[in-house]
Amino acid sequence: AVQVPLAHASISRVHACFQRSTDGLLYVADCASSHGSRLNKAPLPALKYVEARDGDVLQFGASTRIFALHKRGRERAERALLDTATADASATKHDATRKVRKIHTEKEQPP
């Protein structure tokens, strides 16, 4: 089990949990927290797993922090593009993110 401490008065010690299915899908559930959780701005039902997909956004309690879910390797790819772009002053993180999205989209399309 992995625990991620989030310091906010409205976030419970055990606020939400993630579960990966045998076929690799990721699910998230609110653990009956006092202030709830949201997935893509919609409230998560307490104690019921809901599928979480690449690009979904989570919010816990009344915290203004949001957490985006990304497929494994996406962040690593963004960092690699940023590292190679440092020589080019016109490159921005936005440019790198757009390139990574394009790469992932091309890979996900059926043959």
Protein backbone atom coordinates (compact mmCIF):
# COMPACT_ATOMS: atom_id res chain seq x y z
CA ALA A 1 0.00 0.00 0.00
CA VAL A 2 1.14 3.52 -0.76
CA GLN A 3 0.05 6.42 1.43
CA VAL A 4 0.13 10.01 0.20
CA PRO A 5 -0.28 12.53 3.04
CA LEU A 6 -2.27 15.62 2.04
CA ALA A 7 -2.18 18.44 4.57
CA HIS A 8 -5.58 20.14 4.59
CA ALA A 9 -8.15 20.48 7.36
CA SER A 10 -10.93 19.02 5.18
CA ILE A 11 -8.97 15.93 4.11
CA SER A 12 -9.38 12.82 6.24
CA ARG A 13 -6.45 10.60 7.23
CA VAL A 14 -7.92 7.88 5.02
CA HIS A 15 -9.84 9.94 2.49
CA ALA A 16 -9.81 7.92 -0.73
CA CYS A 17 -8.26 4.76 -2.08
CA PHE A 18 -7.17 3.44 -5.44
CA GLN A 19 -7.42 -0.10 -6.75
CA ARG A 20 -6.03 -1.56 -9.96
CA SER A 21 -8.03 -4.40 -11.52
CA THR A 22 -6.48 -7.55 -12.93
CA ASP A 23 -7.00 -6.15 -16.44
CA GLY A 24 -5.04 -3.00 -15.56
CA LEU A 25 -7.87 -0.51 -15.08
CA LEU A 26 -7.58 2.00 -12.23
CA TYR A 27 -10.45 2.62 -9.83
CA VAL A 28 -10.89 5.24 -7.10
CA ALA A 29 -13.29 5.32 -4.15
CA ASP A 30 -14.07 7.87 -1.47
CA CYS A 31 -13.62 6.17 1.91
CA ALA A 32 -16.74 7.76 3.45
CA SER A 33 -14.77 10.92 4.17
CA SER A 34 -16.46 13.85 5.94
CA HIS A 35 -15.96 16.31 3.08
CA GLY A 36 -16.08 13.97 0.07
CA SER A 37 -14.06 13.61 -3.11
CA ARG A 38 -14.69 14.67 -6.69
CA LEU A 39 -13.73 13.07 -9.98
CA ASN A 40 -13.94 15.52 -12.88
CA LYS A 41 -16.01 17.85 -10.65
CA ALA A 42 -18.63 15.14 -9.98
CA PRO A 43 -18.94 13.88 -6.40
CA LEU A 44 -17.63 10.36 -5.85
CA PRO A 45 -20.10 8.08 -4.08
CA ALA A 46 -18.86 6.86 -0.71
CA LEU A 47 -17.38 3.35 -0.61
CA LYS A 48 -18.01 2.64 -4.30
CA TYR A 49 -15.18 2.23 -6.80
CA VAL A 50 -15.40 4.32 -9.96
CA GLU A 51 -13.12 3.88 -12.97
CA ALA A 52 -10.48 6.61 -13.25
CA ARG A 53 -9.04 7.25 -16.70
CA ASP A 54 -6.04 9.03 -18.15
CA GLY A 55 -6.57 12.77 -17.87
CA ASP A 56 -9.20 12.59 -15.10
CA VAL A 57 -8.95 15.18 -12.34
CA LEU A 58 -9.43 14.44 -8.62
CA GLN A 59 -10.18 16.84 -5.78
CA PHE A 60 -10.34 15.89 -2.11
CA GLY A 61 -12.43 17.68 0.51
CA ALA A 62 -12.54 21.46 0.26
CA SER A 63 -8.90 21.67 -0.83
CA THR A 64 -8.30 23.78 -3.93
CA ARG A 65 -5.53 21.42 -5.05
CA ILE A 66 -6.39 19.19 -7.97
CA PHE A 67 -4.68 15.97 -8.97
CA ALA A 68 -4.53 14.81 -12.58
CA LEU A 69 -4.16 11.15 -13.48
CA HIS A 70 -1.76 10.26 -16.28
CA LYS A 71 -0.70 7.01 -17.82
CA ARG A 72 2.64 5.68 -16.69
CA GLY A 73 5.54 7.23 -18.55
CA ARG A 74 3.79 10.42 -19.63
CA GLU A 75 5.53 12.59 -17.02
CA ARG A 76 8.87 10.98 -17.85
CA ALA A 77 8.30 11.76 -21.54
CA GLU A 78 7.46 15.40 -20.72
CA ARG A 79 10.66 15.75 -18.68
CA ALA A 80 12.74 14.26 -21.50
CA LEU A 81 11.23 16.70 -24.00
CA LEU A 82 11.84 19.61 -21.64
CA ASP A 83 15.46 18.56 -21.09
CA THR A 84 16.10 18.49 -24.83
CA ALA A 85 14.25 21.78 -25.29
CA THR A 86 16.34 23.78 -22.80
CA ALA A 87 18.73 24.72 -25.59
CA ASP A 88 15.80 26.21 -27.49
CA ALA A 89 14.72 29.34 -25.60
CA SER A 90 11.38 29.43 -27.38
CA ALA A 91 10.31 26.00 -26.05
CA THR A 92 7.91 25.99 -23.11
CA LYS A 93 6.41 23.36 -20.86
CA HIS A 94 3.16 23.86 -22.77
CA ASP A 95 4.93 22.93 -26.03
CA ALA A 96 6.37 19.79 -24.43
CA THR A 97 3.01 18.74 -23.01
CA ARG A 98 1.35 19.22 -26.40
CA LYS A 99 4.04 17.04 -28.06
CA VAL A 100 3.57 14.30 -25.44
CA ARG A 101 -0.21 14.33 -25.94
CA LYS A 102 0.32 13.97 -29.69
CA ILE A 103 2.72 11.05 -29.20
CA HIS A 104 0.32 9.26 -26.81
CA THR A 105 -2.65 9.87 -29.11
CA GLU A 106 -0.79 8.40 -32.08
CA LYS A 107 0.22 5.33 -30.04
CA GLU A 108 -3.33 4.72 -28.82
CA GLN A 109 -4.96 4.72 -32.25
CA PRO A 110 -5.80 1.26 -33.60
CA PRO A 111 -3.68 0.01 -36.54
